Amino acid sequence: MPCLACKEENGCLLPLYLAELIPADHVAKAVNNIVDLLDIRNITSRVKVEGCQVQNLRMMLKILF
């Protein structure tokens, strides 16, 4: 079963966007870009097909870092 879609450019309930709240030179932007480049096939291949969809694994890694 595929992971839930997650896009940083999705709007919130408020008329704010997450990307606009983080300065361009913030370390979070670097972590975001680095995790996007990582090969995580080894992790995603272990996701079980049964049950509910899992959260986006790239986003979970970004939060962990």
PDB file of N, CA and C in Angstrom:
ATOM      1  N   MET A   1       0.855  -1.173   0.000  1.00  0.00           N
ATOM      2  CA  MET A   1       0.000   0.000   0.000  1.00  0.00           C
ATOM      3  C   MET A   1       0.899   1.233   0.000  1.00  0.00           C
ATOM      4  N   PRO A   2       0.653   2.184  -0.846  1.00  0.00           N
ATOM      5  CA  PRO A   2       1.512   3.361  -0.900  1.00  0.00           C
ATOM      6  C   PRO A   2       1.343   4.247   0.328  1.00  0.00           C
ATOM      7  N   CYS A   3       2.358   5.049   0.576  1.00  0.00           N
ATOM      8  CA  CYS A   3       2.320   6.002   1.687  1.00  0.00           C
ATOM      9  C   CYS A   3       1.393   7.158   1.350  1.00  0.00           C
ATOM     10  N   LEU A   4       0.933   7.857   2.374  1.00  0.00           N
ATOM     11  CA  LEU A   4       0.126   9.048   2.176  1.00  0.00           C
ATOM     12  C   LEU A   4       0.958  10.128   1.499  1.00  0.00           C
ATOM     13  N   ALA A   5       0.360  10.886   0.635  1.00  0.00           N
ATOM     14  CA  ALA A   5       1.068  11.967  -0.052  1.00  0.00           C
ATOM     15  C   ALA A   5       1.350  13.097   0.925  1.00  0.00           C
ATOM     16  N   CYS A   6       2.485  13.723   0.760  1.00  0.00           N
ATOM     17  CA  CYS A   6       2.856  14.837   1.623  1.00  0.00           C
ATOM     18  C   CYS A   6       3.631  15.845   0.797  1.00  0.00           C
ATOM     19  N   LYS A   7       3.128  17.067   0.751  1.00  0.00           N
ATOM     20  CA  LYS A   7       3.799  18.123  -0.001  1.00  0.00           C
ATOM     21  C   LYS A   7       3.915  19.341   0.893  1.00  0.00           C
ATOM     22  N   GLU A   8       5.134  19.870   1.001  1.00  0.00           N
ATOM     23  CA  GLU A   8       5.363  21.036   1.842  1.00  0.00           C
ATOM     24  C   GLU A   8       4.612  22.258   1.339  1.00  0.00           C
ATOM     25  N   GLU A   9       4.306  22.301   0.032  1.00  0.00           N
ATOM     26  CA  GLU A   9       3.635  23.473  -0.512  1.00  0.00           C
ATOM     27  C   GLU A   9       2.121  23.435  -0.339  1.00  0.00           C
ATOM     28  N   ASN A  10       1.591  22.383   0.277  1.00  0.00           N
ATOM     29  CA  ASN A  10       0.150  22.342   0.551  1.00  0.00           C
ATOM     30  C   ASN A  10      -0.206  23.414   1.574  1.00  0.00           C
ATOM     31  N   GLY A  11      -1.303  24.080   1.360  1.00  0.00           N
ATOM     32  CA  GLY A  11      -1.743  25.127   2.271  1.00  0.00           C
ATOM     33  C   GLY A  11      -2.283  24.557   3.574  1.00  0.00           C
ATOM     34  N   CYS A  12      -2.311  25.391   4.578  1.00  0.00           N
ATOM     35  CA  CYS A  12      -2.863  25.005   5.875  1.00  0.00           C
ATOM     36  C   CYS A  12      -4.287  25.534   5.982  1.00  0.00           C
ATOM     37  N   LEU A  13      -4.905  25.344   7.121  1.00  0.00           N
ATOM     38  CA  LEU A  13      -6.230  25.903   7.334  1.00  0.00           C
ATOM     39  C   LEU A  13      -6.178  27.431   7.324  1.00  0.00           C
ATOM     40  N   LEU A  14      -5.069  27.955   7.789  1.00  0.00           N
ATOM     41  CA  LEU A  14      -4.857  29.394   7.738  1.00  0.00           C
ATOM     42  C   LEU A  14      -4.260  29.733   6.378  1.00  0.00           C
ATOM     43  N   PRO A  15      -4.348  30.956   5.952  1.00  0.00           N
ATOM     44  CA  PRO A  15      -3.778  31.297   4.638  1.00  0.00           C
ATOM     45  C   PRO A  15      -2.256  31.420   4.668  1.00  0.00           C
ATOM     46  N   LEU A  16      -1.587  30.496   5.350  1.00  0.00           N
ATOM     47  CA  LEU A  16      -0.131  30.491   5.457  1.00  0.00           C
ATOM     48  C   LEU A  16       0.418  29.231   4.805  1.00  0.00           C
ATOM     49  N   TYR A  17       1.633  29.310   4.333  1.00  0.00           N
ATOM     50  CA  TYR A  17       2.310  28.152   3.779  1.00  0.00           C
ATOM     51  C   TYR A  17       3.569  27.901   4.584  1.00  0.00           C
ATOM     52  N   LEU A  18       3.829  26.653   4.891  1.00  0.00           N
ATOM     53  CA  LEU A  18       4.966  26.286   5.717  1.00  0.00           C
ATOM     54  C   LEU A  18       6.270  26.832   5.139  1.00  0.00           C
ATOM     55  N   ALA A  19       6.431  26.754   3.837  1.00  0.00           N
ATOM     56  CA  ALA A  19       7.660  27.226   3.192  1.00  0.00           C
ATOM     57  C   ALA A  19       7.883  28.721   3.427  1.00  0.00           C
ATOM     58  N   GLU A  20       6.818  29.488   3.558  1.00  0.00           N
ATOM     59  CA  GLU A  20       6.953  30.929   3.784  1.00  0.00           C
ATOM     60  C   GLU A  20       7.361  31.258   5.216  1.00  0.00           C
ATOM     61  N   LEU A  21       7.120  30.352   6.145  1.00  0.00           N
ATOM     62  CA  LEU A  21       7.431  30.605   7.551  1.00  0.00           C
ATOM     63  C   LEU A  21       8.893  30.330   7.888  1.00  0.00           C
ATOM     64  N   ILE A  22       9.597  29.587   7.024  1.00  0.00           N
ATOM     65  CA  ILE A  22      10.983  29.206   7.288  1.00  0.00           C
ATOM     66  C   ILE A  22      11.897  30.065   6.416  1.00  0.00           C
ATOM     67  N   PRO A  23      12.861  30.764   7.022  1.00  0.00           N
ATOM     68  CA  PRO A  23      13.784  31.592   6.240  1.00  0.00           C
ATOM     69  C   PRO A  23      14.581  30.739   5.243  1.00  0.00           C
ATOM     70  N   ALA A  24      14.982  31.336   4.136  1.00  0.00           N
ATOM     71  CA  ALA A  24      15.684  30.616   3.070  1.00  0.00           C
ATOM     72  C   ALA A  24      17.012  30.024   3.536  1.00  0.00           C
ATOM     73  N   ASP A  25      17.670  30.652   4.515  1.00  0.00           N
ATOM     74  CA  ASP A  25      18.975  30.169   4.979  1.00  0.00           C
ATOM     75  C   ASP A  25      18.881  29.286   6.230  1.00  0.00           C
ATOM     76  N   HIS A  26      17.692  28.844   6.592  1.00  0.00           N
ATOM     77  CA  HIS A  26      17.495  28.009   7.781  1.00  0.00           C
ATOM     78  C   HIS A  26      17.973  26.585   7.504  1.00  0.00           C
ATOM     79  N   VAL A  27      18.509  25.923   8.535  1.00  0.00           N
ATOM     80  CA  VAL A  27      19.028  24.562   8.401  1.00  0.00           C
ATOM     81  C   VAL A  27      17.922  23.576   7.996  1.00  0.00           C
ATOM     82  N   ALA A  28      16.677  23.876   8.330  1.00  0.00           N
ATOM     83  CA  ALA A  28      15.571  22.994   7.968  1.00  0.00           C
ATOM     84  C   ALA A  28      15.440  22.857   6.447  1.00  0.00           C
ATOM     85  N   LYS A  29      15.739  23.917   5.718  1.00  0.00           N
ATOM     86  CA  LYS A  29      15.692  23.864   4.252  1.00  0.00           C
ATOM     87  C   LYS A  29      16.768  22.918   3.727  1.00  0.00           C
ATOM     88  N   ALA A  30      17.953  22.941   4.343  1.00  0.00           N
ATOM     89  CA  ALA A  30      19.040  22.044   3.934  1.00  0.00           C
ATOM     90  C   ALA A  30      18.676  20.593   4.233  1.00  0.00           C
ATOM     91  N   VAL A  31      18.122  20.340   5.420  1.00  0.00           N
ATOM     92  CA  VAL A  31      17.696  18.980   5.775  1.00  0.00           C
ATOM     93  C   VAL A  31      16.633  18.499   4.799  1.00  0.00           C
ATOM     94  N   ASN A  32      15.689  19.352   4.470  1.00  0.00           N
ATOM     95  CA  ASN A  32      14.628  19.018   3.522  1.00  0.00           C
ATOM     96  C   ASN A  32      15.232  18.584   2.183  1.00  0.00           C
ATOM     97  N   ASN A  33      16.175  19.360   1.671  1.00  0.00           N
ATOM     98  CA  ASN A  33      16.786  19.046   0.389  1.00  0.00           C
ATOM     99  C   ASN A  33      17.624  17.767   0.440  1.00  0.00           C
ATOM    100  N   ILE A  34      18.354  17.566   1.528  1.00  0.00           N
ATOM    101  CA  ILE A  34      19.204  16.378   1.655  1.00  0.00           C
ATOM    102  C   ILE A  34      18.357  15.113   1.745  1.00  0.00           C
ATOM    103  N   VAL A  35      17.309  15.131   2.559  1.00  0.00           N
ATOM    104  CA  VAL A  35      16.451  13.953   2.698  1.00  0.00           C
ATOM    105  C   VAL A  35      15.749  13.645   1.377  1.00  0.00           C
ATOM    106  N   ASP A  36      15.402  14.671   0.617  1.00  0.00           N
ATOM    107  CA  ASP A  36      14.790  14.443  -0.692  1.00  0.00           C
ATOM    108  C   ASP A  36      15.739  13.711  -1.641  1.00  0.00           C
ATOM    109  N   LEU A  37      17.043  13.859  -1.442  1.00  0.00           N
ATOM    110  CA  LEU A  37      18.030  13.208  -2.302  1.00  0.00           C
ATOM    111  C   LEU A  37      18.397  11.793  -1.845  1.00  0.00           C
ATOM    112  N   LEU A  38      18.057  11.435  -0.604  1.00  0.00           N
ATOM    113  CA  LEU A  38      18.421  10.120  -0.070  1.00  0.00           C
ATOM    114  C   LEU A  38      17.689   8.989  -0.791  1.00  0.00           C
ATOM    115  N   ASP A  39      18.388   7.886  -0.952  1.00  0.00           N
ATOM    116  CA  ASP A  39      17.789   6.674  -1.500  1.00  0.00           C
ATOM    117  C   ASP A  39      17.210   5.885  -0.324  1.00  0.00           C
ATOM    118  N   ILE A  40      15.879   5.889  -0.194  1.00  0.00           N
ATOM    119  CA  ILE A  40      15.249   5.218   0.948  1.00  0.00           C
ATOM    120  C   ILE A  40      14.474   3.968   0.511  1.00  0.00           C
ATOM    121  N   ARG A  41      14.864   3.402  -0.627  1.00  0.00           N
ATOM    122  CA  ARG A  41      14.177   2.200  -1.108  1.00  0.00           C
ATOM    123  C   ARG A  41      14.271   1.046  -0.118  1.00  0.00           C
ATOM    124  N   ASN A  42      15.369   0.962   0.612  1.00  0.00           N
ATOM    125  CA  ASN A  42      15.530  -0.100   1.602  1.00  0.00           C
ATOM    126  C   ASN A  42      14.478   0.024   2.708  1.00  0.00           C
ATOM    127  N   ILE A  43      14.128   1.241   3.061  1.00  0.00           N
ATOM    128  CA  ILE A  43      13.114   1.469   4.094  1.00  0.00           C
ATOM    129  C   ILE A  43      11.715   1.265   3.525  1.00  0.00           C
ATOM    130  N   THR A  44      11.452   1.853   2.371  1.00  0.00           N
ATOM    131  CA  THR A  44      10.105   1.783   1.797  1.00  0.00           C
ATOM    132  C   THR A  44       9.738   0.374   1.347  1.00  0.00           C
ATOM    133  N   SER A  45      10.725  -0.450   1.056  1.00  0.00           N
ATOM    134  CA  SER A  45      10.424  -1.819   0.637  1.00  0.00           C
ATOM    135  C   SER A  45       9.902  -2.669   1.795  1.00  0.00           C
ATOM    136  N   ARG A  46      10.089  -2.217   3.009  1.00  0.00           N
ATOM    137  CA  ARG A  46       9.645  -2.967   4.194  1.00  0.00           C
ATOM    138  C   ARG A  46       8.246  -2.574   4.666  1.00  0.00           C
ATOM    139  N   VAL A  47       7.620  -1.629   3.990  1.00  0.00           N
ATOM    140  CA  VAL A  47       6.276  -1.190   4.370  1.00  0.00           C
ATOM    141  C   VAL A  47       5.288  -2.306   4.051  1.00  0.00           C
ATOM    142  N   LYS A  48       4.484  -2.673   5.035  1.00  0.00           N
ATOM    143  CA  LYS A  48       3.500  -3.739   4.836  1.00  0.00           C
ATOM    144  C   LYS A  48       2.306  -3.224   4.049  1.00  0.00           C
ATOM    145  N   VAL A  49       1.703  -4.107   3.290  1.00  0.00           N
ATOM    146  CA  VAL A  49       0.588  -3.745   2.430  1.00  0.00           C
ATOM    147  C   VAL A  49      -0.725  -3.754   3.203  1.00  0.00           C
ATOM    148  N   GLU A  50      -0.775  -4.414   4.335  1.00  0.00           N
ATOM    149  CA  GLU A  50      -2.021  -4.551   5.098  1.00  0.00           C
ATOM    150  C   GLU A  50      -2.286  -3.327   5.964  1.00  0.00           C
ATOM    151  N   GLY A  51      -3.526  -3.151   6.314  1.00  0.00           N
ATOM    152  CA  GLY A  51      -3.907  -2.110   7.260  1.00  0.00           C
ATOM    153  C   GLY A  51      -3.987  -0.728   6.652  1.00  0.00           C
ATOM    154  N   CYS A  52      -3.885   0.273   7.510  1.00  0.00           N
ATOM    155  CA  CYS A  52      -3.996   1.670   7.087  1.00  0.00           C
ATOM    156  C   CYS A  52      -2.725   2.117   6.373  1.00  0.00           C
ATOM    157  N   GLN A  53      -2.865   3.184   5.593  1.00  0.00           N
ATOM    158  CA  GLN A  53      -1.693   3.762   4.957  1.00  0.00           C
ATOM    159  C   GLN A  53      -0.769   4.336   6.018  1.00  0.00           C
ATOM    160  N   VAL A  54       0.523   4.215   5.772  1.00  0.00           N
ATOM    161  CA  VAL A  54       1.501   4.774   6.702  1.00  0.00           C
ATOM    162  C   VAL A  54       1.755   6.232   6.330  1.00  0.00           C
ATOM    163  N   GLN A  55       2.299   6.964   7.276  1.00  0.00           N
ATOM    164  CA  GLN A  55       2.668   8.349   6.999  1.00  0.00           C
ATOM    165  C   GLN A  55       3.808   8.366   5.992  1.00  0.00           C
ATOM    166  N   ASN A  56       4.001   9.483   5.330  1.00  0.00           N
ATOM    167  CA  ASN A  56       5.060   9.623   4.350  1.00  0.00           C
ATOM    168  C   ASN A  56       6.410   9.427   5.040  1.00  0.00           C
ATOM    169  N   LEU A  57       7.176   8.451   4.569  1.00  0.00           N
ATOM    170  CA  LEU A  57       8.418   8.094   5.248  1.00  0.00           C
ATOM    171  C   LEU A  57       9.495   9.174   5.097  1.00  0.00           C
ATOM    172  N   ARG A  58       9.508   9.869   3.984  1.00  0.00           N
ATOM    173  CA  ARG A  58      10.467  10.981   3.843  1.00  0.00           C
ATOM    174  C   ARG A  58      10.171  12.075   4.863  1.00  0.00           C
ATOM    175  N   MET A  59       8.893  12.382   5.055  1.00  0.00           N
ATOM    176  CA  MET A  59       8.533  13.414   6.022  1.00  0.00           C
ATOM    177  C   MET A  59       8.910  12.969   7.436  1.00  0.00           C
ATOM    178  N   MET A  60       8.727  11.700   7.744  1.00  0.00           N
ATOM    179  CA  MET A  60       9.096  11.188   9.055  1.00  0.00           C
ATOM    180  C   MET A  60      10.617  11.309   9.271  1.00  0.00           C
ATOM    181  N   LEU A  61      11.407  11.042   8.233  1.00  0.00           N
ATOM    182  CA  LEU A  61      12.858  11.211   8.335  1.00  0.00           C
ATOM    183  C   LEU A  61      13.241  12.677   8.552  1.00  0.00           C
ATOM    184  N   LYS A  62      12.542  13.563   7.859  1.00  0.00           N
ATOM    185  CA  LYS A  62      12.821  14.989   8.004  1.00  0.00           C
ATOM    186  C   LYS A  62      12.542  15.445   9.434  1.00  0.00           C
ATOM    187  N   ILE A  63      11.460  14.961  10.000  1.00  0.00           N
ATOM    188  CA  ILE A  63      11.127  15.299  11.390  1.00  0.00           C
ATOM    189  C   ILE A  63      12.166  14.719  12.335  1.00  0.00           C
ATOM    190  N   LEU A  64      12.599  13.490  12.082  1.00  0.00           N
ATOM    191  CA  LEU A  64      13.596  12.843  12.927  1.00  0.00           C
ATOM    192  C   LEU A  64      14.919  13.600  12.913  1.00  0.00           C
ATOM    193  N   PHE A  65      15.330  14.024  11.722  1.00  0.00           N
ATOM    194  CA  PHE A  65      16.588  14.791  11.625  1.00  0.00           C
ATOM    195  C   PHE A  65      16.419  16.166  12.239  1.00  0.00           C
TER     196      PHE A  65
END
